[in-house]
């Protein structure tokens, strides 16, 4: 009976250690996801700001050579 109790306590301690390690990993991943989401939104904003500048208006385009 004593051996069983020691074994269960050992397993519990190992599981608690594993849970703490996994919690740390999940926490770091969440922080990284938030950082990447902010960077992605900043890049989207930059692309939106550049989009009109990438397309010339019809008045700025020279006429085709056959004109």
C-alpha atoms as a PDB file:
ATOM      1  CA  UNK A   1       0.000   0.000   0.000  1.00  0.00           C
ATOM      2  CA  UNK A   2       2.835   2.378   0.885  1.00  0.00           C
ATOM      3  CA  UNK A   3       4.543   1.724  -2.480  1.00  0.00           C
ATOM      4  CA  UNK A   4       1.317   2.482  -4.339  1.00  0.00           C
ATOM      5  CA  UNK A   5       0.912   5.754  -2.504  1.00  0.00           C
ATOM      6  CA  UNK A   6       4.508   6.785  -3.267  1.00  0.00           C
ATOM      7  CA  UNK A   7       3.999   5.865  -6.920  1.00  0.00           C
ATOM      8  CA  UNK A   8       0.820   7.948  -7.135  1.00  0.00           C
ATOM      9  CA  UNK A   9       2.510  10.914  -5.469  1.00  0.00           C
ATOM     10  CA  UNK A  10       5.427  10.600  -7.897  1.00  0.00           C
ATOM     11  CA  UNK A  11       3.071  10.533 -10.880  1.00  0.00           C
ATOM     12  CA  UNK A  12       1.168  13.533  -9.548  1.00  0.00           C
ATOM     13  CA  UNK A  13       4.384  15.513  -9.095  1.00  0.00           C
ATOM     14  CA  UNK A  14       5.457  14.636 -12.648  1.00  0.00           C
ATOM     15  CA  UNK A  15       2.062  15.664 -14.050  1.00  0.00           C
ATOM     16  CA  UNK A  16       2.142  18.971 -12.180  1.00  0.00           C
ATOM     17  CA  UNK A  17       5.614  19.675 -13.567  1.00  0.00           C
ATOM     18  CA  UNK A  18       4.452  18.814 -17.079  1.00  0.00           C
ATOM     19  CA  UNK A  19       1.390  21.054 -16.721  1.00  0.00           C
ATOM     20  CA  UNK A  20       3.539  23.988 -15.597  1.00  0.00           C
ATOM     21  CA  UNK A  21       5.883  23.471 -18.553  1.00  0.00           C
ATOM     22  CA  UNK A  22       2.974  23.276 -20.999  1.00  0.00           C
ATOM     23  CA  UNK A  23       1.375  26.361 -19.481  1.00  0.00           C
ATOM     24  CA  UNK A  24       4.609  28.291 -20.013  1.00  0.00           C
ATOM     25  CA  UNK A  25       4.778  27.157 -23.634  1.00  0.00           C
ATOM     26  CA  UNK A  26       1.149  28.089 -24.299  1.00  0.00           C
ATOM     27  CA  UNK A  27       1.666  31.479 -22.686  1.00  0.00           C
ATOM     28  CA  UNK A  28       4.724  32.214 -24.846  1.00  0.00           C
ATOM     29  CA  UNK A  29       2.891  31.052 -27.968  1.00  0.00           C
ATOM     30  CA  UNK A  30      -0.029  33.348 -27.177  1.00  0.00           C
ATOM     31  CA  UNK A  31       2.325  36.307 -26.780  1.00  0.00           C
ATOM     32  CA  UNK A  32       3.973  35.442 -30.096  1.00  0.00           C
ATOM     33  CA  UNK A  33       0.593  35.127 -31.824  1.00  0.00           C
ATOM     34  CA  UNK A  34      -0.431  38.561 -30.523  1.00  0.00           C
ATOM     35  CA  UNK A  35       2.860  40.089 -31.694  1.00  0.00           C
ATOM     36  CA  UNK A  36       2.519  38.493 -35.142  1.00  0.00           C
ATOM     37  CA  UNK A  37      -1.095  39.676 -35.397  1.00  0.00           C
ATOM     38  CA  UNK A  38       0.002  43.249 -34.662  1.00  0.00           C
ATOM     39  CA  UNK A  39       2.790  43.023 -37.230  1.00  0.00           C
ATOM     40  CA  UNK A  40       0.392  41.587 -39.811  1.00  0.00           C
ATOM     41  CA  UNK A  41      -2.078  44.406 -39.229  1.00  0.00           C
ATOM     42  CA  UNK A  42       0.724  46.970 -39.573  1.00  0.00           C
ATOM     43  CA  UNK A  43       1.775  45.397 -42.874  1.00  0.00           C
ATOM     44  CA  UNK A  44      -1.825  45.409 -44.092  1.00  0.00           C
ATOM     45  CA  UNK A  45      -2.086  49.100 -43.243  1.00  0.00           C
ATOM     46  CA  UNK A  46       1.131  49.808 -45.145  1.00  0.00           C
ATOM     47  CA  UNK A  47      -0.158  47.906 -48.186  1.00  0.00           C
ATOM     48  CA  UNK A  48      -3.470  49.771 -48.048  1.00  0.00           C
ATOM     49  CA  UNK A  49      -1.577  53.067 -47.904  1.00  0.00           C
ATOM     50  CA  UNK A  50       0.589  52.074 -50.872  1.00  0.00           C
ATOM     51  CA  UNK A  51      -2.147  50.580 -53.040  1.00  0.00           C
ATOM     52  CA  UNK A  52      -3.357  53.863 -54.569  1.00  0.00           C
ATOM     53  CA  UNK A  53       0.250  54.879 -55.269  1.00  0.00           C
ATOM     54  CA  UNK A  54       0.936  51.632 -57.131  1.00  0.00           C
ATOM     55  CA  UNK A  55      -1.767  52.266 -59.735  1.00  0.00           C
ATOM     56  CA  UNK A  56      -1.365  55.246 -62.024  1.00  0.00           C
ATOM     57  CA  UNK A  57      -4.480  57.192 -62.902  1.00  0.00           C
ATOM     58  CA  UNK A  58      -5.667  57.242 -66.518  1.00  0.00           C
ATOM     59  CA  UNK A  59      -4.679  60.900 -66.859  1.00  0.00           C
ATOM     60  CA  UNK A  60      -1.084  60.090 -65.862  1.00  0.00           C
ATOM     61  CA  UNK A  61      -0.732  57.202 -68.304  1.00  0.00           C
ATOM     62  CA  UNK A  62       0.751  58.067 -71.674  1.00  0.00           C
ATOM     63  CA  UNK A  63      -1.363  57.153 -74.703  1.00  0.00           C
ATOM     64  CA  UNK A  64      -0.556  53.873 -76.433  1.00  0.00           C
ATOM     65  CA  UNK A  65       2.005  54.073 -79.245  1.00  0.00           C
ATOM     66  CA  UNK A  66      -0.589  53.577 -82.017  1.00  0.00           C
ATOM     67  CA  UNK A  67      -2.253  56.931 -81.225  1.00  0.00           C
END
